[in-house]
């Protein structure tokens, strides 16, 4: 990911346990770099019971699209983990 992008945001998702955050973060890791495009990119990091997704983009339209994509990916990872009984 390049540091010269004009716009960025950090989405922080907190969980009841470090284990739950690790499950969500691990589920997101394969997507890093896979859905990046010429105008946006993202990284995923975990800090204790929180998962942080940093989205950077060249323009606001690309930033919004990146935020929407990563928010949906987090939602799916949370639902799959919950359905599997992993809290």
Protein backbone atom coordinates (compact mmCIF):
# COMPACT_ATOMS: atom_id res chain seq x y z
CA UNK A 1 0.00 0.00 0.00
CA UNK A 2 1.34 3.39 -0.88
CA UNK A 3 1.52 6.21 1.65
CA UNK A 4 0.78 8.87 -0.96
CA UNK A 5 -2.99 8.40 -1.06
CA UNK A 6 -4.98 11.59 -0.51
CA UNK A 7 -7.65 10.13 1.79
CA UNK A 8 -7.73 7.58 4.57
CA UNK A 9 -9.88 6.24 7.35
CA UNK A 10 -9.45 3.64 10.06
CA UNK A 11 -12.39 1.41 10.95
CA UNK A 12 -12.13 -0.09 14.45
CA UNK A 13 -14.20 -3.11 15.47
CA UNK A 14 -14.14 -4.12 19.15
CA UNK A 15 -15.01 -7.63 20.36
CA UNK A 16 -15.81 -9.20 23.72
CA UNK A 17 -12.55 -11.18 23.68
CA UNK A 18 -9.13 -11.24 22.08
CA UNK A 19 -9.95 -14.69 20.69
CA UNK A 20 -12.99 -13.35 18.85
CA UNK A 21 -10.97 -10.46 17.41
CA UNK A 22 -8.29 -12.91 16.29
CA UNK A 23 -10.89 -15.05 14.48
CA UNK A 24 -12.30 -12.04 12.63
CA UNK A 25 -8.85 -10.64 11.84
CA UNK A 26 -7.63 -14.01 10.56
CA UNK A 27 -10.70 -14.30 8.34
CA UNK A 28 -9.98 -10.88 6.82
CA UNK A 29 -6.25 -11.37 6.18
CA UNK A 30 -6.61 -13.30 2.88
CA UNK A 31 -8.56 -10.36 1.44
CA UNK A 32 -5.76 -7.84 2.01
CA UNK A 33 -4.30 -7.02 -1.38
CA UNK A 34 -6.93 -9.06 -3.20
CA UNK A 35 -9.58 -6.37 -3.47
CA UNK A 36 -7.21 -3.41 -3.77
CA UNK A 37 -7.40 -1.51 -7.02
CA UNK A 38 -5.59 1.36 -8.70
CA UNK A 39 -7.43 3.92 -6.54
CA UNK A 40 -7.60 2.29 -3.09
CA UNK A 41 -5.99 -0.21 -0.77
CA UNK A 42 -6.38 -1.51 2.78
CA UNK A 43 -4.54 -3.14 5.65
CA UNK A 44 -5.86 -5.16 8.59
CA UNK A 45 -4.31 -5.20 12.07
CA UNK A 46 -5.39 -6.63 15.40
CA UNK A 47 -4.67 -5.05 18.77
CA UNK A 48 -5.96 -7.12 21.65
CA UNK A 49 -9.74 -7.31 21.38
CA UNK A 50 -9.95 -4.89 18.43
CA UNK A 51 -9.53 -5.26 14.69
CA UNK A 52 -8.52 -2.19 12.71
CA UNK A 53 -9.01 -1.81 8.98
CA UNK A 54 -7.13 1.10 7.40
CA UNK A 55 -8.49 2.14 4.02
CA UNK A 56 -6.58 4.61 1.85
CA UNK A 57 -7.75 6.04 -1.47
CA UNK A 58 -6.95 8.58 -4.14
CA UNK A 59 -10.43 10.12 -4.07
CA UNK A 60 -13.54 10.16 -1.91
CA UNK A 61 -15.57 7.89 -4.20
CA UNK A 62 -12.88 5.19 -3.97
CA UNK A 63 -12.64 5.70 -0.19
CA UNK A 64 -16.39 5.21 0.21
CA UNK A 65 -16.29 2.08 -1.94
CA UNK A 66 -13.40 0.70 0.11
CA UNK A 67 -15.17 1.43 3.39
CA UNK A 68 -18.33 -0.28 2.13
CA UNK A 69 -16.41 -3.34 0.90
CA UNK A 70 -14.42 -3.80 4.09
CA UNK A 71 -17.45 -3.20 6.33
CA UNK A 72 -19.29 -5.97 4.49
CA UNK A 73 -16.30 -8.31 4.77
CA UNK A 74 -16.14 -7.70 8.53
CA UNK A 75 -19.87 -8.32 8.83
CA UNK A 76 -19.55 -11.63 6.98
CA UNK A 77 -16.59 -12.71 9.13
CA UNK A 78 -18.57 -11.89 12.28
CA UNK A 79 -21.65 -13.80 11.09
CA UNK A 80 -19.67 -16.87 10.04
CA UNK A 81 -17.83 -16.90 13.36
CA UNK A 82 -21.10 -16.52 15.30
CA UNK A 83 -22.80 -19.26 13.27
CA UNK A 84 -19.92 -21.58 14.06
CA UNK A 85 -20.44 -20.96 17.77
CA UNK A 86 -17.08 -19.23 18.09
CA UNK A 87 -17.30 -16.44 20.61
